[in-house]
Structure formats: C-alpha cells, structure tokens
Amino acid sequence: MIPVDYHTHHNRCGHAQGQIEDYIQQAISLGISEIGIADHAPIYWQDGNDPMPNIAMAKDELSQYVEEVLALKARYAERITVRLGLEVDYIEGAEAACAALVAPYPFDYLIGSVHYINGRNVYDVRRWDGVSDALPVYAEYYRLLAKSAQSGMFDIIAHSTAVTAYAPKPIPQAIEPLQDAALEAIRAADVCIEINTSGYRKMTTDPFPTARMIAYARDLGIPLTFSSDAHRPAEVGYASEKIEDLLGKLGITELARFAARRREAVALAPRVFHV
C-alpha cells in the first residue's frame, strides 16, 4: 500500500474539520507509516493578523501549530512517523516575505501551491462567471506553477492542475502544452510533485495532476509523492487504492518522502493484477 500521506489540514485553517491528532489516529488505523501535517500557511503577503478568515491560519497561530505538531510527533513516535509540513501559497513578488515566515521553524517539507491568479482564487466559482475564454487564466496558472518550482522555496508542488476544477475547459490541445512546459520547469528545478486525490473529490475523473501528466512526470524523472489533501479525518489516504493501481500500470515503483527538507525515495510493494 501507499505508505505516506503528506497533505492534511485541520480546523486551525478555518475550513477543515478535526484536530491534528484526529488525522494522526486515522492514519494509524489505515496502516499508513508516515503522515504529514501541512495546513495552510498564514496569508503572509497581506497586512493584518488574519486578513482572510476561514482560508488559512492566522499569523499568530503559526508557532502554536508547529509546537503542536512537534509534540504529537514525539507522542506518537513509536506508532507512526509524523512530519511537520506547511502548505504555502506562492505569490509572485512576495518571496522574501515567504522566506521570512518559514525561516524560524524546523519544517520537514514545504508544499508550494498556486491558488491566486490576478488576485482571485481558482476555487472561487464566481470568478468564472461570464468567462467564455479561460485559456489566459490557464496560461497564467501554469506560468506561476513553474515559477513556484523555480523559486527554490518548496519541496513539493501542490495539486498541479487545480485550475481545472471549476474553470471552463479549453480543448486539451490548448492546455496540454502549458501543462508540459510547467512539468519541464519543475523537473529542471528538481522539485517533487504530489499526486493529490482531492482531484477525484472535485472532478471525479482524475487526481491533481491528471493521469496523462503523471505519465509525463514519470518520463521526465520528476519525483512523486502521495497526498489526500484531507480536510476531514476520514479523508486521510483518500483514493489511495486508485493511485496504487495507476502507479502500477505506469510502472512507477517509488514515492518521495521527506525529513528536515531532505528528499529520499521509498519503494512501493509490487502490485499484483488479476485478469
């Protein structure tokens, strides 16, 4: 089975449910050997302690978050490996503020995500009202995705097709070159991408990124890891069986794991397929 889940949230961000310990206990019940806690980082690029409530933790909560994860890491050390992570929005031009935010803390990994394009969240369905041509937004999204990898700030690139969740869908021939160019930039930066199963919850057909992109990432040699993007304890390990099957069909035999900002590969057990 897939041994890691590196992208989980909890109630501190304002739009997830449950305490951090609930997610750890759920991972133990599933037999997952390594659980990463990676809640939404504070909105560091805007003034104020909590400028966007119910989107991310407040700035004065970050140290409490780190202390809680580290305490739980020690408490559960004999039962499961707990990793300290953080999902951090990439905001072009605010790289110095981002670096200052995370510098004091002993993170095992940082997940870089792109949610905001021209100041609007890609998950805000209202941004697409009246939009007949979404291709410029797609182009900007994948440019920012590549730039986030090239920034050197992140270990994992998050949900790398999130823009497709609610946007109008251009023809594949228009967006696939944008996706492939972003993957090539990620490879050049030697950054991992997550296979994020919240794509199944939002679109039903594919994880983030798509199976086609996962195959191209394999061809490029991009390290991959697994993430449920759980916002409820019951979502830990979500759709891992589907990803096991997909990885087996693609001949992918390892995933990435992280400790103290260092990446290493963990081998997957061979899959047996019955005809």
C-alpha atoms as a PDB file:
ATOM      1  CA  MET A   1       0.000   0.000   0.000  1.00  0.00           C
ATOM      2  CA  ILE A   2       0.986   3.639  -0.313  1.00  0.00           C
ATOM      3  CA  PRO A   3       2.975   4.348   2.864  1.00  0.00           C
ATOM      4  CA  VAL A   4       2.733   8.156   3.058  1.00  0.00           C
ATOM      5  CA  ASP A   5       0.163  10.916   3.016  1.00  0.00           C
ATOM      6  CA  TYR A   6       1.814  14.333   3.044  1.00  0.00           C
ATOM      7  CA  HIS A   7      -1.027  16.811   2.685  1.00  0.00           C
ATOM      8  CA  THR A   8      -3.532  17.064   5.529  1.00  0.00           C
ATOM      9  CA  HIS A   9      -5.271  20.025   7.147  1.00  0.00           C
ATOM     10  CA  HIS A  10      -7.161  20.600  10.396  1.00  0.00           C
ATOM     11  CA  ASN A  11      -9.550  23.067  11.981  1.00  0.00           C
ATOM     12  CA  ARG A  12      -6.942  25.785  12.563  1.00  0.00           C
ATOM     13  CA  CYS A  13      -7.237  26.896   8.907  1.00  0.00           C
ATOM     14  CA  GLY A  14     -10.953  27.604   9.354  1.00  0.00           C
ATOM     15  CA  HIS A  15     -12.335  25.414   6.560  1.00  0.00           C
ATOM     16  CA  ALA A  16     -11.272  21.932   7.690  1.00  0.00           C
ATOM     17  CA  GLN A  17     -12.649  19.770  10.480  1.00  0.00           C
ATOM     18  CA  GLY A  18     -10.959  17.940  13.333  1.00  0.00           C
ATOM     19  CA  GLN A  19      -7.831  18.275  15.412  1.00  0.00           C
ATOM     20  CA  ILE A  20      -4.370  17.329  14.177  1.00  0.00           C
ATOM     21  CA  GLU A  21      -4.385  14.294  16.455  1.00  0.00           C
ATOM     22  CA  ASP A  22      -7.551  13.022  14.748  1.00  0.00           C
ATOM     23  CA  TYR A  23      -5.689  12.850  11.431  1.00  0.00           C
ATOM     24  CA  ILE A  24      -2.757  11.026  13.004  1.00  0.00           C
ATOM     25  CA  GLN A  25      -5.034   8.460  14.613  1.00  0.00           C
ATOM     26  CA  GLN A  26      -6.868   7.926  11.326  1.00  0.00           C
ATOM     27  CA  ALA A  27      -3.557   7.316   9.552  1.00  0.00           C
ATOM     28  CA  ILE A  28      -2.592   4.749  12.194  1.00  0.00           C
ATOM     29  CA  SER A  29      -5.924   2.954  11.748  1.00  0.00           C
ATOM     30  CA  LEU A  30      -5.251   2.710   7.994  1.00  0.00           C
ATOM     31  CA  GLY A  31      -1.744   1.333   8.440  1.00  0.00           C
ATOM     32  CA  ILE A  32      -0.076   4.391   6.897  1.00  0.00           C
ATOM     33  CA  SER A  33       3.511   4.557   8.089  1.00  0.00           C
ATOM     34  CA  GLU A  34       4.143   8.294   7.592  1.00  0.00           C
ATOM     35  CA  ILE A  35       1.648  11.143   7.940  1.00  0.00           C
ATOM     36  CA  GLY A  36       2.458  14.707   7.026  1.00  0.00           C
ATOM     37  CA  ILE A  37       0.613  17.644   8.586  1.00  0.00           C
ATOM     38  CA  ALA A  38       0.625  20.550   6.138  1.00  0.00           C
ATOM     39  CA  ASP A  39      -2.005  23.084   6.998  1.00  0.00           C
ATOM     40  CA  HIS A  40      -2.443  26.374   5.153  1.00  0.00           C
ATOM     41  CA  ALA A  41       0.226  28.921   5.993  1.00  0.00           C
ATOM     42  CA  PRO A  42      -0.832  32.387   7.129  1.00  0.00           C
ATOM     43  CA  ILE A  43      -1.652  34.975   4.470  1.00  0.00           C
ATOM     44  CA  TYR A  44       1.826  36.446   4.703  1.00  0.00           C
ATOM     45  CA  TRP A  45       1.510  38.801   1.718  1.00  0.00           C
ATOM     46  CA  GLN A  46      -1.265  40.915   3.247  1.00  0.00           C
ATOM     47  CA  ASP A  47      -1.237  43.133   6.311  1.00  0.00           C
ATOM     48  CA  GLY A  48      -3.040  42.128   9.470  1.00  0.00           C
ATOM     49  CA  ASN A  49      -3.015  39.065  11.653  1.00  0.00           C
ATOM     50  CA  ASP A  50      -5.871  37.274   9.891  1.00  0.00           C
ATOM     51  CA  PRO A  51      -6.728  39.133   6.683  1.00  0.00           C
ATOM     52  CA  MET A  52      -8.612  36.221   5.068  1.00  0.00           C
ATOM     53  CA  PRO A  53     -10.553  34.336   7.771  1.00  0.00           C
ATOM     54  CA  ASN A  54     -11.501  30.720   7.046  1.00  0.00           C
ATOM     55  CA  ILE A  55      -8.811  30.470   4.369  1.00  0.00           C
ATOM     56  CA  ALA A  56      -5.660  29.940   6.438  1.00  0.00           C
ATOM     57  CA  MET A  57      -4.397  30.071   9.992  1.00  0.00           C
ATOM     58  CA  ALA A  58      -3.739  33.493  11.486  1.00  0.00           C
ATOM     59  CA  LYS A  59      -0.158  34.694  11.664  1.00  0.00           C
ATOM     60  CA  ASP A  60      -0.034  34.417  15.443  1.00  0.00           C
ATOM     61  CA  GLU A  61      -1.090  30.758  15.236  1.00  0.00           C
ATOM     62  CA  LEU A  62       1.891  29.516  13.247  1.00  0.00           C
ATOM     63  CA  SER A  63       4.181  28.953  16.212  1.00  0.00           C
ATOM     64  CA  GLN A  64       1.372  27.180  18.086  1.00  0.00           C
ATOM     65  CA  TYR A  65       0.811  24.948  15.066  1.00  0.00           C
ATOM     66  CA  VAL A  66       4.486  23.997  14.904  1.00  0.00           C
ATOM     67  CA  GLU A  67       4.626  23.288  18.644  1.00  0.00           C
ATOM     68  CA  GLU A  68       1.536  21.082  18.450  1.00  0.00           C
ATOM     69  CA  VAL A  69       2.804  19.016  15.535  1.00  0.00           C
ATOM     70  CA  LEU A  70       6.200  18.526  17.174  1.00  0.00           C
ATOM     71  CA  ALA A  71       4.573  17.446  20.444  1.00  0.00           C
ATOM     72  CA  LEU A  72       2.377  14.934  18.616  1.00  0.00           C
ATOM     73  CA  LYS A  73       5.361  13.750  16.597  1.00  0.00           C
ATOM     74  CA  ALA A  74       7.091  12.822  19.846  1.00  0.00           C
ATOM     75  CA  ARG A  75       3.961  11.349  21.428  1.00  0.00           C
ATOM     76  CA  TYR A  76       3.260   9.012  18.517  1.00  0.00           C
ATOM     77  CA  ALA A  77       6.869   8.220  17.571  1.00  0.00           C
ATOM     78  CA  GLU A  78       6.526   4.512  18.340  1.00  0.00           C
ATOM     79  CA  ARG A  79       3.335   4.141  16.302  1.00  0.00           C
ATOM     80  CA  ILE A  80       3.757   6.340  13.232  1.00  0.00           C
ATOM     81  CA  THR A  81       6.165   8.861  11.737  1.00  0.00           C
ATOM     82  CA  VAL A  82       4.700  12.368  11.854  1.00  0.00           C
ATOM     83  CA  ARG A  83       6.207  15.016   9.564  1.00  0.00           C
ATOM     84  CA  LEU A  84       5.948  18.757  10.034  1.00  0.00           C
ATOM     85  CA  GLY A  85       4.908  20.438   6.817  1.00  0.00           C
ATOM     86  CA  LEU A  86       3.146  23.573   5.647  1.00  0.00           C
ATOM     87  CA  GLU A  87       1.177  24.415   2.514  1.00  0.00           C
ATOM     88  CA  VAL A  88       2.353  27.846   1.408  1.00  0.00           C
ATOM     89  CA  ASP A  89       0.797  29.908  -1.354  1.00  0.00           C
ATOM     90  CA  TYR A  90       3.252  31.118  -3.962  1.00  0.00           C
ATOM     91  CA  ILE A  91       2.743  34.839  -4.516  1.00  0.00           C
ATOM     92  CA  GLU A  92       4.989  36.322  -7.167  1.00  0.00           C
ATOM     93  CA  GLY A  93       6.946  39.252  -5.759  1.00  0.00           C
ATOM     94  CA  ALA A  94       6.426  38.224  -2.128  1.00  0.00           C
ATOM     95  CA  GLU A  95       9.200  35.621  -1.996  1.00  0.00           C
ATOM     96  CA  ALA A  96      11.178  37.458   0.705  1.00  0.00           C
ATOM     97  CA  ALA A  97       8.136  37.650   2.976  1.00  0.00           C
ATOM     98  CA  CYS A  98       7.508  33.957   2.435  1.00  0.00           C
ATOM     99  CA  ALA A  99      11.090  33.072   3.313  1.00  0.00           C
ATOM    100  CA  ALA A 100      10.899  35.155   6.480  1.00  0.00           C
ATOM    101  CA  LEU A 101       7.660  33.431   7.502  1.00  0.00           C
ATOM    102  CA  VAL A 102       9.055  29.886   7.411  1.00  0.00           C
ATOM    103  CA  ALA A 103      12.692  30.505   8.390  1.00  0.00           C
ATOM    104  CA  PRO A 104      12.322  30.134  12.196  1.00  0.00           C
ATOM    105  CA  TYR A 105      10.776  26.663  12.096  1.00  0.00           C
ATOM    106  CA  PRO A 106      12.124  23.092  11.615  1.00  0.00           C
ATOM    107  CA  PHE A 107       9.868  22.009   8.763  1.00  0.00           C
ATOM    108  CA  ASP A 108      10.351  18.595   7.196  1.00  0.00           C
ATOM    109  CA  TYR A 109       8.967  19.904   3.913  1.00  0.00           C
ATOM    110  CA  LEU A 110       7.110  22.840   2.395  1.00  0.00           C
ATOM    111  CA  ILE A 111       4.344  22.425  -0.159  1.00  0.00           C
ATOM    112  CA  GLY A 112       4.076  25.241  -2.680  1.00  0.00           C
ATOM    113  CA  SER A 113       0.625  25.920  -4.083  1.00  0.00           C
ATOM    114  CA  VAL A 114      -0.888  28.292  -6.598  1.00  0.00           C
ATOM    115  CA  HIS A 115      -4.388  29.379  -5.668  1.00  0.00           C
ATOM    116  CA  TYR A 116      -4.383  33.050  -6.686  1.00  0.00           C
ATOM    117  CA  ILE A 117      -4.325  34.307 -10.261  1.00  0.00           C
ATOM    118  CA  ASN A 118      -4.660  38.045 -10.719  1.00  0.00           C
ATOM    119  CA  GLY A 119      -5.786  38.238  -7.102  1.00  0.00           C
ATOM    120  CA  ARG A 120      -8.644  35.732  -7.403  1.00  0.00           C
ATOM    121  CA  ASN A 121      -8.751  32.214  -6.022  1.00  0.00           C
ATOM    122  CA  VAL A 122      -9.082  29.482  -8.655  1.00  0.00           C
ATOM    123  CA  TYR A 123     -11.528  27.686  -6.329  1.00  0.00           C
ATOM    124  CA  ASP A 124     -13.837  30.707  -6.236  1.00  0.00           C
ATOM    125  CA  VAL A 125     -16.506  29.583  -8.680  1.00  0.00           C
ATOM    126  CA  ARG A 126     -17.741  33.179  -9.042  1.00  0.00           C
ATOM    127  CA  ARG A 127     -14.528  34.205 -10.800  1.00  0.00           C
ATOM    128  CA  TRP A 128     -15.613  32.182 -13.812  1.00  0.00           C
ATOM    129  CA  ASP A 129     -18.998  33.889 -14.212  1.00  0.00           C
ATOM    130  CA  GLY A 130     -19.256  35.193 -17.761  1.00  0.00           C
ATOM    131  CA  VAL A 131     -15.792  33.887 -18.733  1.00  0.00           C
ATOM    132  CA  SER A 132     -16.003  32.381 -22.191  1.00  0.00           C
ATOM    133  CA  ASP A 133     -12.258  32.044 -22.787  1.00  0.00           C
ATOM    134  CA  ALA A 134     -10.369  30.717 -19.772  1.00  0.00           C
ATOM    135  CA  LEU A 135      -7.162  29.984 -21.684  1.00  0.00           C
ATOM    136  CA  PRO A 136      -5.338  33.164 -20.490  1.00  0.00           C
ATOM    137  CA  VAL A 137      -6.067  32.151 -16.897  1.00  0.00           C
ATOM    138  CA  TYR A 138      -4.744  28.643 -17.568  1.00  0.00           C
ATOM    139  CA  ALA A 139      -1.606  30.115 -19.110  1.00  0.00           C
ATOM    140  CA  GLU A 140      -1.003  32.334 -16.084  1.00  0.00           C
ATOM    141  CA  TYR A 141      -1.672  29.457 -13.702  1.00  0.00           C
ATOM    142  CA  TYR A 142       0.922  27.197 -15.306  1.00  0.00           C
ATOM    143  CA  ARG A 143       3.418  30.062 -15.540  1.00  0.00           C
ATOM    144  CA  LEU A 144       3.079  30.631 -11.806  1.00  0.00           C
ATOM    145  CA  LEU A 145       3.305  26.904 -11.145  1.00  0.00           C
ATOM    146  CA  ALA A 146       6.634  26.782 -12.976  1.00  0.00           C
ATOM    147  CA  LYS A 147       7.828  29.912 -11.204  1.00  0.00           C
ATOM    148  CA  SER A 148       6.931  28.446  -7.807  1.00  0.00           C
ATOM    149  CA  ALA A 149       9.188  25.469  -8.522  1.00  0.00           C
ATOM    150  CA  GLN A 150      11.969  27.695  -9.812  1.00  0.00           C
ATOM    151  CA  SER A 151      11.798  29.866  -6.670  1.00  0.00           C
ATOM    152  CA  GLY A 152      13.697  27.248  -4.678  1.00  0.00           C
ATOM    153  CA  MET A 153      11.372  27.730  -1.711  1.00  0.00           C
ATOM    154  CA  PHE A 154       9.385  24.498  -1.899  1.00  0.00           C
ATOM    155  CA  ASP A 155       9.984  20.766  -1.701  1.00  0.00           C
ATOM    156  CA  ILE A 156       6.649  19.675  -3.204  1.00  0.00           C
ATOM    157  CA  ILE A 157       4.395  21.360  -5.743  1.00  0.00           C
ATOM    158  CA  ALA A 158       0.728  21.009  -4.801  1.00  0.00           C
ATOM    159  CA  HIS A 159      -2.360  19.989  -6.806  1.00  0.00           C
ATOM    160  CA  SER A 160      -0.781  20.994 -10.109  1.00  0.00           C
ATOM    161  CA  THR A 161      -4.000  21.038 -12.137  1.00  0.00           C
ATOM    162  CA  ALA A 162      -6.223  22.711  -9.546  1.00  0.00           C
ATOM    163  CA  VAL A 163      -7.217  25.385 -12.063  1.00  0.00           C
ATOM    164  CA  THR A 164      -9.222  22.763 -13.951  1.00  0.00           C
ATOM    165  CA  ALA A 165     -11.571  22.064 -11.026  1.00  0.00           C
ATOM    166  CA  TYR A 166     -14.161  24.757 -11.742  1.00  0.00           C
ATOM    167  CA  ALA A 167     -12.915  26.682 -14.773  1.00  0.00           C
ATOM    168  CA  PRO A 168     -14.347  26.358 -18.269  1.00  0.00           C
ATOM    169  CA  LYS A 169     -12.445  23.619 -20.067  1.00  0.00           C
ATOM    170  CA  PRO A 170     -10.451  24.648 -23.153  1.00  0.00           C
ATOM    171  CA  ILE A 171      -9.709  21.893 -25.631  1.00  0.00           C
ATOM    172  CA  PRO A 172      -6.890  19.583 -24.473  1.00  0.00           C
ATOM    173  CA  GLN A 173      -4.674  20.600 -27.395  1.00  0.00           C
ATOM    174  CA  ALA A 174      -4.656  24.141 -25.986  1.00  0.00           C
ATOM    175  CA  ILE A 175      -3.745  23.356 -22.365  1.00  0.00           C
ATOM    176  CA  GLU A 176      -1.520  20.283 -22.656  1.00  0.00           C
ATOM    177  CA  PRO A 177       1.487  22.268 -23.955  1.00  0.00           C
ATOM    178  CA  LEU A 178       1.092  24.617 -20.960  1.00  0.00           C
ATOM    179  CA  GLN A 179       0.998  21.662 -18.582  1.00  0.00           C
ATOM    180  CA  ASP A 180       4.008  20.006 -20.179  1.00  0.00           C
ATOM    181  CA  ALA A 181       6.075  23.186 -20.082  1.00  0.00           C
ATOM    182  CA  ALA A 182       5.292  23.537 -16.363  1.00  0.00           C
ATOM    183  CA  LEU A 183       6.338  19.939 -15.733  1.00  0.00           C
ATOM    184  CA  GLU A 184       9.592  20.509 -17.616  1.00  0.00           C
ATOM    185  CA  ALA A 185      10.317  23.551 -15.439  1.00  0.00           C
ATOM    186  CA  ILE A 186       9.561  21.518 -12.319  1.00  0.00           C
ATOM    187  CA  ARG A 187      11.957  18.834 -13.479  1.00  0.00           C
ATOM    188  CA  ALA A 188      14.683  21.391 -14.175  1.00  0.00           C
ATOM    189  CA  ALA A 189      14.214  22.725 -10.636  1.00  0.00           C
ATOM    190  CA  ASP A 190      14.421  19.177  -9.202  1.00  0.00           C
ATOM    191  CA  VAL A 191      11.214  19.576  -7.197  1.00  0.00           C
ATOM    192  CA  CYS A 192       8.713  16.847  -6.311  1.00  0.00           C
ATOM    193  CA  ILE A 193       5.043  16.983  -7.281  1.00  0.00           C
ATOM    194  CA  GLU A 194       2.236  15.447  -5.302  1.00  0.00           C
ATOM    195  CA  ILE A 195      -0.441  13.150  -6.638  1.00  0.00           C
ATOM    196  CA  ASN A 196      -3.332  14.854  -4.907  1.00  0.00           C
ATOM    197  CA  THR A 197      -6.528  12.844  -4.696  1.00  0.00           C
ATOM    198  CA  SER A 198      -8.735  15.838  -3.922  1.00  0.00           C
ATOM    199  CA  GLY A 199      -8.997  15.969  -7.708  1.00  0.00           C
ATOM    200  CA  TYR A 200     -11.289  12.964  -7.505  1.00  0.00           C
ATOM    201  CA  ARG A 201     -13.451  14.782  -4.966  1.00  0.00           C
ATOM    202  CA  LYS A 202     -13.711  17.899  -7.121  1.00  0.00           C
ATOM    203  CA  MET A 203     -13.809  16.414 -10.636  1.00  0.00           C
ATOM    204  CA  THR A 204     -14.288  12.613 -10.201  1.00  0.00           C
ATOM    205  CA  THR A 205     -12.217  11.700 -13.264  1.00  0.00           C
ATOM    206  CA  ASP A 206      -8.585  12.401 -12.311  1.00  0.00           C
ATOM    207  CA  PRO A 207      -6.382  13.297  -9.394  1.00  0.00           C
ATOM    208  CA  PHE A 208      -4.367  16.523  -9.479  1.00  0.00           C
ATOM    209  CA  PRO A 209      -2.437  16.281 -11.806  1.00  0.00           C
ATOM    210  CA  THR A 210      -4.105  14.144 -14.443  1.00  0.00           C
ATOM    211  CA  ALA A 211      -3.014  10.603 -15.239  1.00  0.00           C
ATOM    212  CA  ARG A 212      -1.548  11.921 -18.502  1.00  0.00           C
ATOM    213  CA  MET A 213       0.613  14.393 -16.616  1.00  0.00           C
ATOM    214  CA  ILE A 214       1.689  11.757 -14.093  1.00  0.00           C
ATOM    215  CA  ALA A 215       2.874   9.621 -17.004  1.00  0.00           C
ATOM    216  CA  TYR A 216       4.834  12.550 -18.437  1.00  0.00           C
ATOM    217  CA  ALA A 217       6.286  13.319 -14.996  1.00  0.00           C
ATOM    218  CA  ARG A 218       7.456   9.700 -14.903  1.00  0.00           C
ATOM    219  CA  ASP A 219       9.078  10.109 -18.311  1.00  0.00           C
ATOM    220  CA  LEU A 220      10.840  13.271 -17.141  1.00  0.00           C
ATOM    221  CA  GLY A 221      12.016  11.674 -13.904  1.00  0.00           C
ATOM    222  CA  ILE A 222      10.104  14.032 -11.608  1.00  0.00           C
ATOM    223  CA  PRO A 223       9.840  12.652  -8.048  1.00  0.00           C
ATOM    224  CA  LEU A 224       6.259  11.969  -6.982  1.00  0.00           C
ATOM    225  CA  THR A 225       4.570  11.679  -3.619  1.00  0.00           C
ATOM    226  CA  PHE A 226       1.033  10.977  -2.408  1.00  0.00           C
ATOM    227  CA  SER A 227      -1.375  13.466  -0.824  1.00  0.00           C
ATOM    228  CA  SER A 228      -5.023  13.163   0.111  1.00  0.00           C
ATOM    229  CA  ASP A 229      -5.378  16.907   0.804  1.00  0.00           C
ATOM    230  CA  ALA A 230      -7.616  15.760   3.656  1.00  0.00           C
ATOM    231  CA  HIS A 231      -9.840  18.402   5.227  1.00  0.00           C
ATOM    232  CA  ARG A 232     -11.624  15.806   7.377  1.00  0.00           C
ATOM    233  CA  PRO A 233     -10.001  12.925   9.244  1.00  0.00           C
ATOM    234  CA  ALA A 234     -11.989  10.396   7.193  1.00  0.00           C
ATOM    235  CA  GLU A 235     -10.283  11.697   4.025  1.00  0.00           C
ATOM    236  CA  VAL A 236      -6.790  10.608   5.102  1.00  0.00           C
ATOM    237  CA  GLY A 237      -5.472   8.199   2.463  1.00  0.00           C
ATOM    238  CA  TYR A 238      -8.399   9.072   0.196  1.00  0.00           C
ATOM    239  CA  ALA A 239      -8.478   7.020  -3.058  1.00  0.00           C
ATOM    240  CA  SER A 240      -5.056   5.540  -2.370  1.00  0.00           C
ATOM    241  CA  GLU A 241      -6.175   2.268  -3.966  1.00  0.00           C
ATOM    242  CA  LYS A 242      -6.868   4.088  -7.239  1.00  0.00           C
ATOM    243  CA  ILE A 243      -3.416   5.641  -7.133  1.00  0.00           C
ATOM    244  CA  GLU A 244      -1.807   2.282  -6.339  1.00  0.00           C
ATOM    245  CA  ASP A 245      -3.437   0.860  -9.459  1.00  0.00           C
ATOM    246  CA  LEU A 246      -2.441   3.871 -11.555  1.00  0.00           C
ATOM    247  CA  LEU A 247       1.183   3.764 -10.390  1.00  0.00           C
ATOM    248  CA  GLY A 248       1.314   0.041 -11.067  1.00  0.00           C
ATOM    249  CA  LYS A 249       0.007   0.488 -14.601  1.00  0.00           C
ATOM    250  CA  LEU A 250       2.532   3.273 -15.223  1.00  0.00           C
ATOM    251  CA  GLY A 251       5.424   1.233 -13.834  1.00  0.00           C
ATOM    252  CA  ILE A 252       6.120   3.742 -11.045  1.00  0.00           C
ATOM    253  CA  THR A 253       7.792   1.844  -8.214  1.00  0.00           C
ATOM    254  CA  GLU A 254       8.683   4.525  -5.659  1.00  0.00           C
ATOM    255  CA  LEU A 255       7.443   7.677  -3.991  1.00  0.00           C
ATOM    256  CA  ALA A 256       9.277  10.521  -2.305  1.00  0.00           C
ATOM    257  CA  ARG A 257       9.474  11.041   1.435  1.00  0.00           C
ATOM    258  CA  PHE A 258      10.916  13.991   3.354  1.00  0.00           C
ATOM    259  CA  ALA A 259      12.681  14.740   6.609  1.00  0.00           C
ATOM    260  CA  ALA A 260      14.372  18.014   7.575  1.00  0.00           C
ATOM    261  CA  ARG A 261      13.908  19.321   3.998  1.00  0.00           C
ATOM    262  CA  ARG A 262      15.759  16.317   2.550  1.00  0.00           C
ATOM    263  CA  ARG A 263      14.125  14.050  -0.006  1.00  0.00           C
ATOM    264  CA  GLU A 264      14.588  10.318  -0.355  1.00  0.00           C
ATOM    265  CA  ALA A 265      12.764   7.561  -2.215  1.00  0.00           C
ATOM    266  CA  VAL A 266      10.659   4.861  -0.596  1.00  0.00           C
ATOM    267  CA  ALA A 267       9.977   1.725  -2.650  1.00  0.00           C
ATOM    268  CA  LEU A 268       6.416   0.572  -3.222  1.00  0.00           C
ATOM    269  CA  ALA A 269       5.461  -3.072  -2.860  1.00  0.00           C
ATOM    270  CA  PRO A 270       4.790  -4.685  -6.260  1.00  0.00           C
ATOM    271  CA  ARG A 271       1.162  -4.739  -7.329  1.00  0.00           C
ATOM    272  CA  VAL A 272      -0.450  -7.981  -8.427  1.00  0.00           C
ATOM    273  CA  PHE A 273      -3.091  -7.654 -11.111  1.00  0.00           C
ATOM    274  CA  HIS A 274      -5.572 -10.448 -11.748  1.00  0.00           C
ATOM    275  CA  VAL A 275      -7.016 -10.954 -15.200  1.00  0.00           C
END
